[in-house]
Amino acid sequence: MRRALLKAALFLLITNSALAQKKAPQFIINAKVAHFTDSVVYLNYGTLGSSKTDTAKVKNGAFTFKGHVNEPVPGFIFSKTFRVKVDLYIENTPIMVTGDADSMYNTKVTGKGVVQEFEAFNQQLMDNRKRTIALFQKAYELKQAGDTVAAKELQAKADSQYNWEFKARHQYIADHPKSYIAAKELLAYTSTNTLANSIKLFNGLDASIKATNVGKEIAARIDLLSKVEEGKPAQNFTQSTPDGKPVQLTDYKGRYVLVEFWASWCGPCRAENPNLLKQYQLYKAKGFDILSVSLDNNKDYWLKAVEKDALPWTQVSDLKGWNNEVAVLYGIRAVPASFLIDPAGKIIATGLRGETLNKKLESLFAN
């Protein structure tokens, strides 16, 4: 009798568990995109530290994604050529996406809660981008027509319109301390150059948001960047040159060294290389050096870029792309990025480029 009761209890436990799993809430994204002829489309969703990508078949521009999230998370729907690209927020609720592959700025996302909150904010950003593009186009047409005065005025207006987005994102964080959207924006905003303000904004978030996965990621990123901010000892690392020779940052003790994160595919990095070369030649005899860390994952592309740009200083990489161990250690999420380190091994400046770098080096080696 006891064994029968035990079996019955076990059966009920298994059944209830299965029912609970069946009843787990899901998100369902139904999409209809006009003029979309691809056969597959992708959805990436989650936080920066933990995300997944699903695939859906497309039929007559329509497709569906289903899944479960433990808390609201950002998502991105995209096609292989990025002709279709949709930013959205996902929570366990029905979500509808409508748009046109020929005009993705007019995409609409409808849903409840965080889904709708993000859509409302995102539409403000998209509307601003459309206005900005129109202004840039008009300024270009005026310049081509020879009206340089009017073109310059319109260009300034376009630049101001463009910068509005960054201000809006920042203000959203400050104004919405209980928002998942604000936390997402803060995670993207937090960098070496914004660290002090990021800490202030993070402290202003509600405890409920700090406890989310994205809130924990912000805290972890702040902790990481706090170790590589100006005034801190530079963290030592070892990475190899193209011929396999290991190089340590401590090898540069006694000299000023600019640790430059770059990649062969990075346009702004390549554009900065001539200036780096000029500064290197000006000050190398006075105790200045450069150590370049490449975020390439293709050795041939890396070496061809070094050769084409005629870079004479030491180059290192582990060819892991964005997962380069030094880049991870220094919290790099965008390139170019740089850290100027003094002869004692202390970080004295970050993010130096162009004239800002030139003036800093001039002040160090003026005598």
Protein backbone atom coordinates (compact mmCIF):
# COMPACT_ATOMS: atom_id res chain seq x y z
CA MET A 1 0.00 0.00 0.00
CA ARG A 2 2.77 2.38 0.96
CA ARG A 3 4.60 1.60 -2.32
CA ALA A 4 1.41 2.28 -4.30
CA LEU A 5 0.95 5.63 -2.57
CA LEU A 6 4.57 6.50 -3.24
CA LYS A 7 4.15 5.70 -6.93
CA ALA A 8 0.98 7.79 -7.09
CA ALA A 9 2.70 10.73 -5.43
CA LEU A 10 5.65 10.44 -7.78
CA PHE A 11 3.29 10.29 -10.77
CA LEU A 12 1.49 13.43 -9.61
CA LEU A 13 4.81 15.21 -9.06
CA ILE A 14 6.02 14.39 -12.57
CA THR A 15 2.66 15.33 -14.09
CA ASN A 16 2.49 18.64 -12.26
CA SER A 17 6.07 19.41 -13.27
CA ALA A 18 5.26 18.69 -16.91
CA LEU A 19 2.14 20.85 -16.72
CA ALA A 20 4.12 23.67 -15.12
CA GLN A 21 6.65 23.51 -17.92
CA LYS A 22 3.86 23.49 -20.50
CA LYS A 23 2.29 26.54 -18.91
CA ALA A 24 5.54 28.53 -18.78
CA PRO A 25 4.77 31.90 -20.36
CA GLN A 26 6.07 32.50 -23.87
CA PHE A 27 6.69 35.40 -26.18
CA ILE A 28 5.20 35.05 -29.66
CA ILE A 29 6.44 37.42 -32.35
CA ASN A 30 4.31 37.50 -35.48
CA ALA A 31 5.80 39.60 -38.25
CA LYS A 32 4.73 40.73 -41.70
CA VAL A 33 7.28 42.62 -43.78
CA ALA A 34 6.28 43.76 -47.25
CA HIS A 35 8.76 43.27 -50.12
CA PHE A 36 10.81 40.84 -48.03
CA THR A 37 11.83 37.91 -50.22
CA ASP A 38 14.45 36.12 -48.10
CA SER A 39 13.67 32.56 -47.05
CA VAL A 40 15.01 32.88 -43.48
CA VAL A 41 15.30 35.57 -40.83
CA TYR A 42 17.08 35.69 -37.48
CA LEU A 43 16.31 36.87 -33.95
CA ASN A 44 19.05 37.61 -31.44
CA TYR A 45 17.87 38.36 -27.91
CA GLY A 46 19.25 38.63 -24.40
CA THR A 47 21.79 40.79 -22.63
CA LEU A 48 25.31 41.54 -23.84
CA GLY A 49 26.70 38.87 -21.55
CA SER A 50 24.14 36.19 -22.39
CA SER A 51 22.20 36.05 -25.64
CA LYS A 52 20.89 33.50 -28.12
CA THR A 53 19.96 33.52 -31.80
CA ASP A 54 16.92 31.78 -33.30
CA THR A 55 16.02 31.23 -36.96
CA ALA A 56 12.59 31.38 -38.59
CA LYS A 57 11.37 30.56 -42.08
CA VAL A 58 9.83 33.37 -44.11
CA LYS A 59 6.77 32.88 -46.33
CA ASN A 60 5.38 35.80 -48.31
CA GLY A 61 7.17 38.19 -45.97
CA ALA A 62 5.63 36.61 -42.85
CA PHE A 63 7.45 34.82 -40.04
CA THR A 64 7.03 33.86 -36.39
CA PHE A 65 9.35 33.48 -33.41
CA LYS A 66 8.40 31.81 -30.13
CA GLY A 67 10.31 31.40 -26.91
CA HIS A 68 10.57 32.20 -23.22
CA VAL A 69 12.51 34.87 -21.34
CA ASN A 70 12.98 35.08 -17.59
CA GLU A 71 12.76 38.86 -17.72
CA PRO A 72 12.31 41.50 -20.46
CA VAL A 73 15.36 41.60 -22.75
CA PRO A 74 16.41 43.53 -25.87
CA GLY A 75 16.05 41.78 -29.21
CA PHE A 76 17.12 42.31 -32.79
CA ILE A 77 15.45 40.82 -35.86
CA PHE A 78 17.65 40.80 -38.93
CA SER A 79 18.13 39.24 -42.35
CA LYS A 80 21.40 37.96 -43.75
CA THR A 81 22.00 41.16 -45.73
CA PHE A 82 20.50 43.38 -42.99
CA ARG A 83 17.89 44.62 -45.43
CA VAL A 84 15.52 43.81 -42.60
CA LYS A 85 16.63 45.00 -39.16
CA VAL A 86 14.29 45.63 -36.26
CA ASP A 87 15.18 46.67 -32.72
CA LEU A 88 12.63 45.65 -30.13
CA TYR A 89 12.18 44.56 -26.54
CA ILE A 90 10.92 41.08 -25.73
CA GLU A 91 8.86 39.83 -22.83
CA ASN A 92 6.46 36.91 -22.55
CA THR A 93 3.55 38.42 -24.41
CA PRO A 94 2.19 38.54 -27.98
CA ILE A 95 4.24 40.92 -30.15
CA MET A 96 3.41 42.10 -33.66
CA VAL A 97 5.92 43.51 -36.13
CA THR A 98 4.85 45.20 -39.37
CA GLY A 99 7.09 46.90 -41.87
CA ASP A 100 8.43 47.21 -45.38
CA ALA A 101 11.85 45.91 -46.42
CA ASP A 102 12.14 48.93 -48.72
CA SER A 103 11.69 51.36 -45.83
CA MET A 104 12.65 49.86 -42.47
CA TYR A 105 12.50 53.23 -40.71
CA ASN A 106 8.70 52.84 -40.88
CA THR A 107 8.63 49.53 -38.99
CA LYS A 108 6.08 49.29 -36.17
CA VAL A 109 6.21 46.99 -33.14
CA THR A 110 3.11 46.53 -31.00
CA GLY A 111 2.81 44.76 -27.68
CA LYS A 112 2.33 45.39 -23.98
CA GLY A 113 4.47 46.61 -21.10
CA VAL A 114 8.18 46.94 -21.80
CA VAL A 115 7.61 46.05 -25.47
CA GLN A 116 5.49 49.14 -25.97
CA GLU A 117 7.69 51.34 -23.77
CA PHE A 118 10.72 50.56 -25.91
CA GLU A 119 8.78 51.01 -29.15
CA ALA A 120 7.64 54.48 -28.10
CA PHE A 121 11.20 55.52 -27.23
CA ASN A 122 12.69 53.89 -30.31
CA GLN A 123 10.22 55.64 -32.60
CA GLN A 124 11.42 58.98 -31.25
CA LEU A 125 14.96 58.01 -32.18
CA MET A 126 13.94 56.78 -35.64
CA ASP A 127 11.96 59.95 -36.34
CA ASN A 128 14.99 62.00 -35.36
CA ARG A 129 17.22 59.95 -37.65
CA LYS A 130 14.87 60.51 -40.60
CA ARG A 131 14.93 64.27 -39.98
CA THR A 132 18.71 64.20 -39.61
CA ILE A 133 19.22 62.31 -42.86
CA ALA A 134 16.95 64.78 -44.68
CA LEU A 135 18.97 67.71 -43.34
CA PHE A 136 22.30 66.16 -44.31
CA GLN A 137 20.95 65.46 -47.80
CA LYS A 138 19.70 69.03 -48.22
CA ALA A 139 23.01 70.46 -46.98
CA TYR A 140 24.84 68.32 -49.53
CA GLU A 141 22.57 69.49 -52.35
CA LEU A 142 23.11 73.14 -51.41
CA LYS A 143 26.87 72.64 -51.32
CA GLN A 144 26.80 70.98 -54.74
CA ALA A 145 24.76 73.91 -56.05
CA GLY A 146 27.40 76.36 -54.81
CA ASP A 147 25.44 77.86 -51.91
CA THR A 148 28.14 77.16 -49.31
CA VAL A 149 26.80 79.63 -46.73
CA ALA A 150 23.35 78.03 -46.58
CA ALA A 151 24.92 74.57 -46.74
CA LYS A 152 27.12 75.34 -43.73
CA GLU A 153 24.15 76.58 -41.70
CA LEU A 154 22.11 73.50 -42.57
CA GLN A 155 25.05 71.23 -41.81
CA ALA A 156 25.31 72.73 -38.32
CA LYS A 157 21.60 72.13 -37.83
CA ALA A 158 21.98 68.53 -39.01
CA ASP A 159 24.88 67.99 -36.62
CA SER A 160 22.78 69.31 -33.74
CA GLN A 161 19.90 67.07 -34.76
CA TYR A 162 22.27 64.10 -34.89
CA ASN A 163 23.63 64.81 -31.40
CA TRP A 164 20.09 65.02 -29.99
CA GLU A 165 19.88 61.22 -29.98
CA PHE A 166 22.81 60.84 -27.58
CA LYS A 167 21.34 63.44 -25.24
CA ALA A 168 17.92 61.75 -25.40
CA ARG A 169 19.37 58.35 -24.53
CA HIS A 170 21.26 59.83 -21.59
CA GLN A 171 18.21 61.71 -20.33
CA TYR A 172 16.06 58.60 -20.56
CA ILE A 173 18.36 56.82 -18.10
CA ALA A 174 18.10 59.67 -15.61
CA ASP A 175 14.32 60.02 -15.96
CA HIS A 176 13.36 56.31 -15.77
CA PRO A 177 15.12 54.65 -12.80
CA LYS A 178 12.67 51.71 -12.77
CA SER A 179 12.93 50.98 -16.49
CA TYR A 180 14.52 47.99 -18.26
CA ILE A 181 15.02 50.32 -21.22
CA ALA A 182 17.01 52.75 -19.09
CA ALA A 183 19.20 49.87 -17.87
CA LYS A 184 19.85 48.76 -21.46
CA GLU A 185 20.82 52.31 -22.41
CA LEU A 186 23.10 52.61 -19.39
CA LEU A 187 24.91 49.38 -20.24
CA ALA A 188 25.59 50.69 -23.76
CA TYR A 189 26.60 54.10 -22.39
CA THR A 190 29.07 52.82 -19.79
CA SER A 191 32.64 53.13 -21.05
CA THR A 192 36.05 54.26 -19.87
CA ASN A 193 35.29 57.83 -20.89
CA THR A 194 31.86 57.92 -19.20
CA LEU A 195 32.70 55.92 -16.09
CA ALA A 196 32.15 58.62 -13.44
CA ASN A 197 28.75 59.59 -14.82
CA SER A 198 27.81 55.95 -15.38
CA ILE A 199 28.40 55.21 -11.71
CA LYS A 200 26.19 58.16 -10.76
CA LEU A 201 23.42 56.97 -13.09
CA PHE A 202 23.70 53.40 -11.86
CA ASN A 203 23.37 54.52 -8.26
CA GLY A 204 20.16 56.26 -9.27
CA LEU A 205 18.55 53.09 -10.63
CA ASP A 206 15.84 51.39 -8.60
CA ALA A 207 16.92 48.32 -6.62
CA SER A 208 14.56 46.15 -8.70
CA ILE A 209 16.41 47.07 -11.90
CA LYS A 210 19.84 46.64 -10.32
CA ALA A 211 18.80 43.07 -9.45
CA THR A 212 18.03 42.15 -13.09
CA ASN A 213 20.56 40.46 -15.35
CA VAL A 214 21.25 43.67 -17.21
CA GLY A 215 21.62 45.50 -13.90
CA LYS A 216 24.19 42.94 -12.79
CA GLU A 217 26.03 43.36 -16.10
CA ILE A 218 26.24 47.11 -15.56
CA ALA A 219 27.66 46.58 -12.07
CA ALA A 220 30.22 44.10 -13.42
CA ARG A 221 31.22 46.46 -16.24
CA ILE A 222 31.63 49.37 -13.85
CA ASP A 223 33.81 47.18 -11.65
CA LEU A 224 35.93 46.16 -14.64
CA LEU A 225 36.36 49.68 -16.01
CA SER A 226 37.18 51.00 -12.54
CA LYS A 227 40.35 48.90 -12.74
CA VAL A 228 41.54 50.57 -15.96
CA GLU A 229 40.60 54.19 -15.38
CA GLU A 230 43.03 57.10 -15.34
CA GLY A 231 45.27 57.08 -12.30
CA LYS A 232 45.19 53.29 -11.87
CA PRO A 233 48.18 51.00 -12.49
CA ALA A 234 47.85 49.48 -15.95
CA GLN A 235 47.03 45.77 -15.76
CA ASN A 236 49.84 43.68 -17.13
CA PHE A 237 49.26 41.27 -19.98
CA THR A 238 51.18 39.02 -22.35
CA GLN A 239 50.33 38.60 -26.01
CA SER A 240 52.30 37.43 -29.03
CA THR A 241 53.64 39.13 -32.13
CA PRO A 242 52.90 37.67 -35.58
CA ASP A 243 56.02 35.48 -35.35
CA GLY A 244 54.98 34.10 -31.95
CA LYS A 245 57.22 36.19 -29.68
CA PRO A 246 55.47 36.91 -26.33
CA VAL A 247 55.36 40.58 -25.33
CA GLN A 248 54.42 41.89 -21.88
CA LEU A 249 53.19 45.36 -21.04
CA THR A 250 55.78 45.48 -18.26
CA ASP A 251 58.47 45.31 -20.97
CA TYR A 252 57.70 49.01 -21.53
CA LYS A 253 58.44 50.16 -17.98
CA GLY A 254 60.57 53.31 -18.09
CA ARG A 255 58.88 54.66 -21.25
CA TYR A 256 55.60 56.26 -22.14
CA VAL A 257 53.58 53.72 -24.12
CA LEU A 258 50.30 54.07 -25.95
CA VAL A 259 48.38 50.78 -25.90
CA GLU A 260 46.28 51.05 -29.05
CA PHE A 261 43.35 48.69 -29.71
CA TRP A 262 42.51 48.49 -33.40
CA ALA A 263 41.66 46.10 -36.27
CA SER A 264 42.32 45.87 -39.99
CA TRP A 265 38.57 46.19 -40.71
CA CYS A 266 38.14 49.34 -38.58
CA GLY A 267 37.98 52.43 -40.82
CA PRO A 268 38.54 55.03 -38.06
CA CYS A 269 41.51 52.98 -36.78
CA ARG A 270 43.15 52.93 -40.20
CA ALA A 271 42.46 56.64 -40.63
CA GLU A 272 44.26 57.37 -37.34
CA ASN A 273 47.35 55.30 -38.22
CA PRO A 274 49.12 58.08 -40.22
CA ASN A 275 48.83 60.38 -37.20
CA LEU A 276 50.13 57.65 -34.87
CA LEU A 277 53.07 57.14 -37.20
CA LYS A 278 53.84 60.86 -37.20
CA GLN A 279 53.74 61.05 -33.39
CA TYR A 280 55.83 57.91 -33.06
CA GLN A 281 58.53 59.38 -35.27
CA LEU A 282 58.44 62.69 -33.40
CA TYR A 283 58.83 61.27 -29.90
CA LYS A 284 60.29 57.76 -30.04
CA ALA A 285 63.78 59.10 -29.32
CA LYS A 286 62.41 60.87 -26.24
CA GLY A 287 60.93 57.76 -24.64
CA PHE A 288 57.60 57.26 -26.41
CA ASP A 289 56.40 53.94 -27.82
CA ILE A 290 53.24 52.32 -29.15
CA LEU A 291 51.98 48.79 -28.58
CA SER A 292 49.12 47.85 -30.91
CA VAL A 293 46.66 45.13 -29.93
CA SER A 294 44.66 43.89 -32.90
CA LEU A 295 41.10 42.61 -32.61
CA ASP A 296 41.44 40.77 -35.91
CA ASN A 297 40.66 37.07 -36.22
CA ASN A 298 42.32 36.70 -39.63
CA LYS A 299 46.11 36.81 -39.54
CA ASP A 300 46.54 37.60 -43.23
CA TYR A 301 44.20 40.63 -43.07
CA TRP A 302 45.98 41.83 -39.93
CA LEU A 303 49.47 41.58 -41.41
CA LYS A 304 48.45 43.14 -44.73
CA ALA A 305 47.03 46.15 -42.87
CA VAL A 306 50.22 46.52 -40.82
CA GLU A 307 52.29 46.41 -44.00
CA LYS A 308 50.06 48.75 -45.99
CA ASP A 309 49.93 51.33 -43.18
CA ALA A 310 53.71 50.95 -42.63
CA LEU A 311 53.48 50.55 -38.86
CA PRO A 312 56.97 50.07 -37.36
CA TRP A 313 56.07 49.51 -33.70
CA THR A 314 55.23 46.19 -32.03
CA GLN A 315 52.00 44.47 -33.03
CA VAL A 316 50.33 41.74 -30.95
CA SER A 317 47.11 39.71 -31.15
CA ASP A 318 45.63 36.37 -30.15
CA LEU A 319 43.36 36.47 -33.23
CA LYS A 320 40.20 36.02 -31.14
CA GLY A 321 38.45 39.11 -32.51
CA TRP A 322 36.26 40.84 -29.93
CA ASN A 323 37.20 38.09 -27.47
CA ASN A 324 40.84 39.15 -27.54
CA GLU A 325 41.98 38.51 -23.97
CA VAL A 326 43.62 41.92 -23.57
CA ALA A 327 40.54 43.66 -24.98
CA VAL A 328 38.35 41.80 -22.48
CA LEU A 329 40.76 42.67 -19.65
CA TYR A 330 40.51 46.37 -20.56
CA GLY A 331 36.76 46.38 -21.21
CA ILE A 332 37.01 47.19 -24.93
CA ARG A 333 33.72 47.17 -26.83
CA ALA A 334 34.60 49.62 -29.59
CA VAL A 335 37.72 50.48 -31.55
CA PRO A 336 39.82 52.50 -31.85
CA ALA A 337 40.52 52.70 -28.13
CA SER A 338 43.72 53.65 -26.36
CA PHE A 339 45.43 53.92 -22.99
CA LEU A 340 48.46 56.14 -22.44
CA ILE A 341 50.71 54.68 -19.74
CA ASP A 342 53.54 56.53 -18.01
CA PRO A 343 57.05 55.15 -17.28
CA ALA A 344 55.91 53.92 -13.84
CA GLY A 345 53.14 51.85 -15.40
CA LYS A 346 50.21 54.13 -14.49
CA ILE A 347 47.36 55.00 -16.86
CA ILE A 348 47.47 58.76 -17.41
CA ALA A 349 44.97 59.19 -20.28
CA THR A 350 42.43 57.19 -22.28
CA GLY A 351 40.74 57.52 -25.66
CA LEU A 352 43.37 59.80 -27.17
CA ARG A 353 43.07 60.40 -30.92
CA GLY A 354 44.04 63.03 -33.45
CA GLU A 355 44.82 66.46 -32.09
CA THR A 356 43.95 65.43 -28.53
CA LEU A 357 46.75 62.84 -28.62
CA ASN A 358 49.14 65.26 -30.29
CA LYS A 359 48.66 67.95 -27.65
CA LYS A 360 49.02 65.44 -24.82
CA LEU A 361 52.32 64.13 -26.18
CA GLU A 362 53.53 67.68 -26.85
CA SER A 363 52.89 68.57 -23.23
CA LEU A 364 54.78 65.48 -22.01
CA PHE A 365 57.81 65.99 -24.22
CA ALA A 366 57.89 69.79 -24.47
CA ASN A 367 61.24 69.89 -22.74
